[in-house]
């Protein structure tokens, strides 16, 4: 391999490949954590709902009205958290980033520096194929966002009222 090819490959691997993979991993972890937090909070509010419903029925402390309000509020909060989770699609976003990071790992296995020794021309060809493979993965990840946005259904305009004389 030529010094120029080696320099390009080192720079590409560090600045394009690894930084993008690190970004994908951090975003996947972030969205997984957000999903886990929402699911955990939803569960907590449902358990609290059962507890305050029992307290309301037993009229503990003579605060039946407080327990009744909480028994209505907690499921509403739980439902709002579930809607928030669905709206932001935390699981779907984590999957997109995780899939892209895994695809980059597979591409790394085909990296020319991991192959047996080859002459300059063969290395240059393998390097070009590797760069094309990595760039295709990055383009496919970007295309996923267009699909995700395309799944959002626009709100329909209310029917217009015609005024007849």
C-alpha atoms as a PDB file:
ATOM      1  CA  UNK A   1       0.000   0.000   0.000  1.00  0.00           C
ATOM      2  CA  UNK A   2       1.224   3.461  -0.786  1.00  0.00           C
ATOM      3  CA  UNK A   3       1.880   6.041   1.904  1.00  0.00           C
ATOM      4  CA  UNK A   4      -0.937   8.168   0.479  1.00  0.00           C
ATOM      5  CA  UNK A   5      -3.411   5.245   0.659  1.00  0.00           C
ATOM      6  CA  UNK A   6      -2.315   4.512   4.217  1.00  0.00           C
ATOM      7  CA  UNK A   7      -2.719   8.150   5.233  1.00  0.00           C
ATOM      8  CA  UNK A   8      -6.174   8.346   3.638  1.00  0.00           C
ATOM      9  CA  UNK A   9      -7.270   5.077   5.213  1.00  0.00           C
ATOM     10  CA  UNK A  10      -6.071   6.097   8.682  1.00  0.00           C
ATOM     11  CA  UNK A  11      -7.851   9.431   8.442  1.00  0.00           C
ATOM     12  CA  UNK A  12     -11.017   7.913   6.975  1.00  0.00           C
ATOM     13  CA  UNK A  13     -11.160   5.183   9.616  1.00  0.00           C
ATOM     14  CA  UNK A  14     -10.709   7.647  12.485  1.00  0.00           C
ATOM     15  CA  UNK A  15     -12.685  10.651  11.276  1.00  0.00           C
ATOM     16  CA  UNK A  16     -15.464   9.210   9.182  1.00  0.00           C
ATOM     17  CA  UNK A  17     -15.964   5.617  10.191  1.00  0.00           C
ATOM     18  CA  UNK A  18     -15.235   5.605  13.929  1.00  0.00           C
ATOM     19  CA  UNK A  19     -16.750   9.000  14.742  1.00  0.00           C
ATOM     20  CA  UNK A  20     -19.953   8.082  12.916  1.00  0.00           C
ATOM     21  CA  UNK A  21     -20.096   4.705  14.659  1.00  0.00           C
ATOM     22  CA  UNK A  22     -19.535   6.364  18.051  1.00  0.00           C
ATOM     23  CA  UNK A  23     -22.352   8.806  17.238  1.00  0.00           C
ATOM     24  CA  UNK A  24     -24.712   5.965  16.315  1.00  0.00           C
ATOM     25  CA  UNK A  25     -23.875   4.085  19.509  1.00  0.00           C
ATOM     26  CA  UNK A  26     -24.404   7.148  21.702  1.00  0.00           C
ATOM     27  CA  UNK A  27     -27.754   7.961  20.076  1.00  0.00           C
ATOM     28  CA  UNK A  28     -28.906   4.343  20.372  1.00  0.00           C
ATOM     29  CA  UNK A  29     -28.033   4.345  24.083  1.00  0.00           C
ATOM     30  CA  UNK A  30     -29.792   7.684  24.541  1.00  0.00           C
ATOM     31  CA  UNK A  31     -33.027   6.511  22.918  1.00  0.00           C
ATOM     32  CA  UNK A  32     -32.925   3.137  24.692  1.00  0.00           C
ATOM     33  CA  UNK A  33     -32.546   4.972  28.005  1.00  0.00           C
ATOM     34  CA  UNK A  34     -35.419   7.335  27.165  1.00  0.00           C
ATOM     35  CA  UNK A  35     -37.670   4.408  26.253  1.00  0.00           C
ATOM     36  CA  UNK A  36     -36.723   2.553  29.437  1.00  0.00           C
ATOM     37  CA  UNK A  37     -37.420   5.635  31.553  1.00  0.00           C
ATOM     38  CA  UNK A  38     -40.842   6.146  30.012  1.00  0.00           C
ATOM     39  CA  UNK A  39     -41.777   2.485  30.443  1.00  0.00           C
ATOM     40  CA  UNK A  40     -40.545   2.484  34.024  1.00  0.00           C
ATOM     41  CA  UNK A  41     -42.463   5.670  34.881  1.00  0.00           C
ATOM     42  CA  UNK A  42     -45.602   4.339  33.202  1.00  0.00           C
ATOM     43  CA  UNK A  43     -45.399   1.221  35.340  1.00  0.00           C
ATOM     44  CA  UNK A  44     -44.826   3.245  38.512  1.00  0.00           C
ATOM     45  CA  UNK A  45     -47.870   5.391  37.829  1.00  0.00           C
ATOM     46  CA  UNK A  46     -50.010   2.315  37.214  1.00  0.00           C
ATOM     47  CA  UNK A  47     -48.882   0.803  40.540  1.00  0.00           C
ATOM     48  CA  UNK A  48     -49.592   4.123  42.245  1.00  0.00           C
ATOM     49  CA  UNK A  49     -53.043   4.087  40.646  1.00  0.00           C
ATOM     50  CA  UNK A  50     -53.816   0.735  42.236  1.00  0.00           C
ATOM     51  CA  UNK A  51     -52.478   1.900  45.592  1.00  0.00           C
ATOM     52  CA  UNK A  52     -54.459   5.144  45.715  1.00  0.00           C
ATOM     53  CA  UNK A  53     -57.588   3.357  44.496  1.00  0.00           C
ATOM     54  CA  UNK A  54     -57.248   0.998  47.471  1.00  0.00           C
ATOM     55  CA  UNK A  55     -56.647   3.957  49.787  1.00  0.00           C
ATOM     56  CA  UNK A  56     -59.713   5.737  48.386  1.00  0.00           C
ATOM     57  CA  UNK A  57     -61.935   2.710  48.874  1.00  0.00           C
ATOM     58  CA  UNK A  58     -60.675   2.314  52.472  1.00  0.00           C
ATOM     59  CA  UNK A  59     -61.012   6.076  53.076  1.00  0.00           C
ATOM     60  CA  UNK A  60     -57.611   6.142  54.767  1.00  0.00           C
ATOM     61  CA  UNK A  61     -57.064   9.283  56.821  1.00  0.00           C
ATOM     62  CA  UNK A  62     -60.485  10.589  55.858  1.00  0.00           C
ATOM     63  CA  UNK A  63     -58.969  11.861  52.612  1.00  0.00           C
ATOM     64  CA  UNK A  64     -61.119   9.922  50.201  1.00  0.00           C
ATOM     65  CA  UNK A  65     -61.419  12.922  47.896  1.00  0.00           C
ATOM     66  CA  UNK A  66     -57.606  13.222  47.634  1.00  0.00           C
ATOM     67  CA  UNK A  67     -57.195   9.510  46.917  1.00  0.00           C
ATOM     68  CA  UNK A  68     -59.991   9.654  44.348  1.00  0.00           C
ATOM     69  CA  UNK A  69     -58.383  12.576  42.515  1.00  0.00           C
ATOM     70  CA  UNK A  70     -55.035  10.780  42.465  1.00  0.00           C
ATOM     71  CA  UNK A  71     -56.715   7.575  41.277  1.00  0.00           C
ATOM     72  CA  UNK A  72     -57.931   9.547  38.255  1.00  0.00           C
ATOM     73  CA  UNK A  73     -54.776  11.625  37.729  1.00  0.00           C
ATOM     74  CA  UNK A  74     -52.234   8.806  37.781  1.00  0.00           C
ATOM     75  CA  UNK A  75     -53.722   6.848  34.855  1.00  0.00           C
ATOM     76  CA  UNK A  76     -53.942  10.099  32.885  1.00  0.00           C
ATOM     77  CA  UNK A  77     -50.245  10.748  33.528  1.00  0.00           C
ATOM     78  CA  UNK A  78     -49.421   7.166  32.586  1.00  0.00           C
ATOM     79  CA  UNK A  79     -51.379   7.520  29.344  1.00  0.00           C
ATOM     80  CA  UNK A  80     -49.641  10.814  28.570  1.00  0.00           C
ATOM     81  CA  UNK A  81     -46.246   9.143  29.059  1.00  0.00           C
ATOM     82  CA  UNK A  82     -47.250   6.309  26.732  1.00  0.00           C
ATOM     83  CA  UNK A  83     -48.354   8.838  24.117  1.00  0.00           C
ATOM     84  CA  UNK A  84     -45.053  10.688  24.535  1.00  0.00           C
ATOM     85  CA  UNK A  85     -43.172   7.435  23.970  1.00  0.00           C
ATOM     86  CA  UNK A  86     -45.199   6.678  20.845  1.00  0.00           C
ATOM     87  CA  UNK A  87     -44.876  10.240  19.530  1.00  0.00           C
ATOM     88  CA  UNK A  88     -41.084  10.332  19.782  1.00  0.00           C
ATOM     89  CA  UNK A  89     -40.732   6.694  18.648  1.00  0.00           C
ATOM     90  CA  UNK A  90     -37.825   6.068  21.007  1.00  0.00           C
ATOM     91  CA  UNK A  91     -37.709   2.355  20.224  1.00  0.00           C
ATOM     92  CA  UNK A  92     -37.767   2.915  16.464  1.00  0.00           C
ATOM     93  CA  UNK A  93     -35.061   5.572  16.607  1.00  0.00           C
ATOM     94  CA  UNK A  94     -32.850   3.362  18.780  1.00  0.00           C
ATOM     95  CA  UNK A  95     -33.305   0.548  16.274  1.00  0.00           C
ATOM     96  CA  UNK A  96     -32.315   2.739  13.325  1.00  0.00           C
ATOM     97  CA  UNK A  97     -29.130   3.886  15.049  1.00  0.00           C
ATOM     98  CA  UNK A  98     -28.358   0.390  16.315  1.00  0.00           C
ATOM     99  CA  UNK A  99     -28.814  -1.133  12.869  1.00  0.00           C
ATOM    100  CA  UNK A 100     -26.485   1.455  11.335  1.00  0.00           C
ATOM    101  CA  UNK A 101     -23.826   0.854  14.024  1.00  0.00           C
ATOM    102  CA  UNK A 102     -24.050  -2.910  13.494  1.00  0.00           C
ATOM    103  CA  UNK A 103     -23.787  -2.515   9.730  1.00  0.00           C
ATOM    104  CA  UNK A 104     -20.634  -0.461  10.245  1.00  0.00           C
ATOM    105  CA  UNK A 105     -19.225  -3.249  12.423  1.00  0.00           C
ATOM    106  CA  UNK A 106     -19.836  -5.722   9.610  1.00  0.00           C
ATOM    107  CA  UNK A 107     -18.167  -3.335   7.167  1.00  0.00           C
ATOM    108  CA  UNK A 108     -15.171  -3.093   9.497  1.00  0.00           C
ATOM    109  CA  UNK A 109     -14.716  -6.856   9.183  1.00  0.00           C
ATOM    110  CA  UNK A 110     -14.217  -6.334   5.422  1.00  0.00           C
ATOM    111  CA  UNK A 111     -11.682  -3.555   5.945  1.00  0.00           C
ATOM    112  CA  UNK A 112      -8.593  -3.832   3.745  1.00  0.00           C
ATOM    113  CA  UNK A 113      -6.217  -3.575   6.721  1.00  0.00           C
ATOM    114  CA  UNK A 114      -7.679  -6.804   8.110  1.00  0.00           C
ATOM    115  CA  UNK A 115      -7.061  -8.723   4.898  1.00  0.00           C
ATOM    116  CA  UNK A 116      -3.847 -10.567   4.058  1.00  0.00           C
ATOM    117  CA  UNK A 117      -1.007  -8.583   2.517  1.00  0.00           C
ATOM    118  CA  UNK A 118      -1.738  -7.331  -0.964  1.00  0.00           C
ATOM    119  CA  UNK A 119      -0.003  -5.236  -3.544  1.00  0.00           C
ATOM    120  CA  UNK A 120      -0.682  -1.515  -3.970  1.00  0.00           C
ATOM    121  CA  UNK A 121      -3.250  -1.919  -6.746  1.00  0.00           C
ATOM    122  CA  UNK A 122      -5.200  -4.587  -4.865  1.00  0.00           C
ATOM    123  CA  UNK A 123      -5.144  -2.503  -1.675  1.00  0.00           C
ATOM    124  CA  UNK A 124      -6.369   0.562  -3.538  1.00  0.00           C
ATOM    125  CA  UNK A 125      -9.216  -1.469  -5.043  1.00  0.00           C
ATOM    126  CA  UNK A 126     -10.119  -2.995  -1.650  1.00  0.00           C
ATOM    127  CA  UNK A 127      -9.955   0.450  -0.039  1.00  0.00           C
ATOM    128  CA  UNK A 128     -12.308   1.876  -2.659  1.00  0.00           C
ATOM    129  CA  UNK A 129     -14.754  -0.991  -2.130  1.00  0.00           C
ATOM    130  CA  UNK A 130     -14.588  -0.499   1.637  1.00  0.00           C
ATOM    131  CA  UNK A 131     -15.244   3.243   1.384  1.00  0.00           C
ATOM    132  CA  UNK A 132     -18.181   2.588  -0.953  1.00  0.00           C
ATOM    133  CA  UNK A 133     -19.612   0.037   1.483  1.00  0.00           C
ATOM    134  CA  UNK A 134     -19.328   2.423   4.442  1.00  0.00           C
ATOM    135  CA  UNK A 135     -20.806   5.341   2.506  1.00  0.00           C
ATOM    136  CA  UNK A 136     -23.715   3.157   1.385  1.00  0.00           C
ATOM    137  CA  UNK A 137     -24.445   2.300   5.023  1.00  0.00           C
ATOM    138  CA  UNK A 138     -24.406   5.999   5.944  1.00  0.00           C
ATOM    139  CA  UNK A 139     -26.737   6.870   3.032  1.00  0.00           C
ATOM    140  CA  UNK A 140     -29.104   4.064   4.005  1.00  0.00           C
ATOM    141  CA  UNK A 141     -29.227   5.363   7.581  1.00  0.00           C
ATOM    142  CA  UNK A 142     -30.135   8.814   6.297  1.00  0.00           C
ATOM    143  CA  UNK A 143     -32.821   7.308   4.063  1.00  0.00           C
ATOM    144  CA  UNK A 144     -34.415   5.682   7.110  1.00  0.00           C
ATOM    145  CA  UNK A 145     -35.257   9.118   8.487  1.00  0.00           C
ATOM    146  CA  UNK A 146     -37.170   9.950   5.342  1.00  0.00           C
ATOM    147  CA  UNK A 147     -39.181   6.766   5.807  1.00  0.00           C
ATOM    148  CA  UNK A 148     -39.838   7.582   9.463  1.00  0.00           C
ATOM    149  CA  UNK A 149     -41.046  11.063   8.569  1.00  0.00           C
ATOM    150  CA  UNK A 150     -43.134   9.591   5.745  1.00  0.00           C
ATOM    151  CA  UNK A 151     -44.996   7.420   8.255  1.00  0.00           C
ATOM    152  CA  UNK A 152     -46.288  10.490  10.082  1.00  0.00           C
ATOM    153  CA  UNK A 153     -49.782  11.185   8.909  1.00  0.00           C
ATOM    154  CA  UNK A 154     -50.575  14.853   8.420  1.00  0.00           C
ATOM    155  CA  UNK A 155     -53.564  16.238  10.239  1.00  0.00           C
ATOM    156  CA  UNK A 156     -56.592  16.603   8.064  1.00  0.00           C
ATOM    157  CA  UNK A 157     -58.066  20.030   7.642  1.00  0.00           C
ATOM    158  CA  UNK A 158     -61.547  20.416   9.058  1.00  0.00           C
ATOM    159  CA  UNK A 159     -64.261  20.332   6.445  1.00  0.00           C
ATOM    160  CA  UNK A 160     -65.092  23.758   5.132  1.00  0.00           C
ATOM    161  CA  UNK A 161     -68.558  25.014   5.794  1.00  0.00           C
ATOM    162  CA  UNK A 162     -70.285  26.545   2.880  1.00  0.00           C
ATOM    163  CA  UNK A 163     -72.668  29.317   3.652  1.00  0.00           C
ATOM    164  CA  UNK A 164     -75.690  29.246   1.456  1.00  0.00           C
ATOM    165  CA  UNK A 165     -77.999  32.177   1.124  1.00  0.00           C
END
